[in-house]
Amino acid sequence: MTWLLIALLLALGIFLIISQINIKNLYKEYSTKINKIKAAEKINLKSYIGTGKLLRSLDKRIEKSNIRFYISYNVWIHLALCMALFLLASGWMSNHMNIYSSITFGLVVALIPYILLQLFSDLMGHKVKRMSVDFLTIMRRFLIGGKGADIFQAFKKASKYILQPLKNYVEIMIYEYEHKVNPVQCFDNMIERIEGGELKLYIENLKICYVRGGDVIELTDTFIEEIEKQNDDEDEENTKDLLLSMGLYLLLAVNFFILYILFNSSYKTAVFDSSWGQIVFILDLLVSFYIAYLTLEKID
């Protein structure tokens, strides 16, 4: 009966994963990835890590999560935390399972900080997107048809009336500008901090207006109208995504609750001390984390 219950949970998790995959899009993504791999086949993992791209990518993810506004956090702290979780989880699990299952369990647990970081980053990106209209409306008040330094003055004044995390992004931009960083580079850095969407496109167009001249008021009005329209269209879709996410998290909660019961019951020896039991346990963990990944994709 216990084995049947675990098998049903695993099958249900796999079904949910398959139901979320669009085969056509998957094929297109696969073809695109193959082309990218062929174009970049000379780049290997050693050179990727050696040039610091991996660390810079992680640092950018930390910055977009806005976690530094609350605590001191950097790449090395993140890696140390992942390593500590790996050692603790694999060490604890080694008392109950073989070395291979323990290492796999440790690797899965070590991914938790990055998953949380991704979640915070996506939530901050969504928050920035929802407050974009208010931000642009405030910006419009201070963009009195000016150009050049007037744009940065408008950012500085607007920063007093906006909330985090957008406030933090704007304040960093103003700090860079006031400390003699090239204005165009200030725009580029701001663009990098914003996750995506119409606000990112607005900053890119504002940079063009700064360099070549242009009507920043008309530009701002256009983007306010466009973002308002997009927000209205996305409200219904976001509600559906929220319901789906709640369902997935409920499934995960039930799944881990059953595993906890099994781990602390008389069935523990029968299930986890056998090779097949450990394989099913690890597969169940991997499926659960992939479901969490799908949920993050929905948020994004």
Foldseek 3Di string as FASTA:
>chain_A
DLVVVLVVLLVVLVVVVVVLDDVVVVVVVVVVVVVVCVVPVVDDPVVCVVVPVVQVVVQLLQLLLVCCVPPPDGSVNLVVQLVVQLCVQLVVCVVQAPNVLSNLRSNLRSCVVVLVSLLSNLVQLVVCLVCVLVLLVQLLVQPPQDEAVSSLVSLVVSLVPDDPPVSVLSVVLNVCVVVPNPNLVSLVSSLSSRPDDLVSVLSVVNSVCRVPNDRNNVSSVVSSVVSVVVVVVCPVVVVVLVVVLVVLVVSLVVSVVSVVVCCPDPCSCVQRVDPVSSVSVSSSSVSSVVSSVVSSVSSD
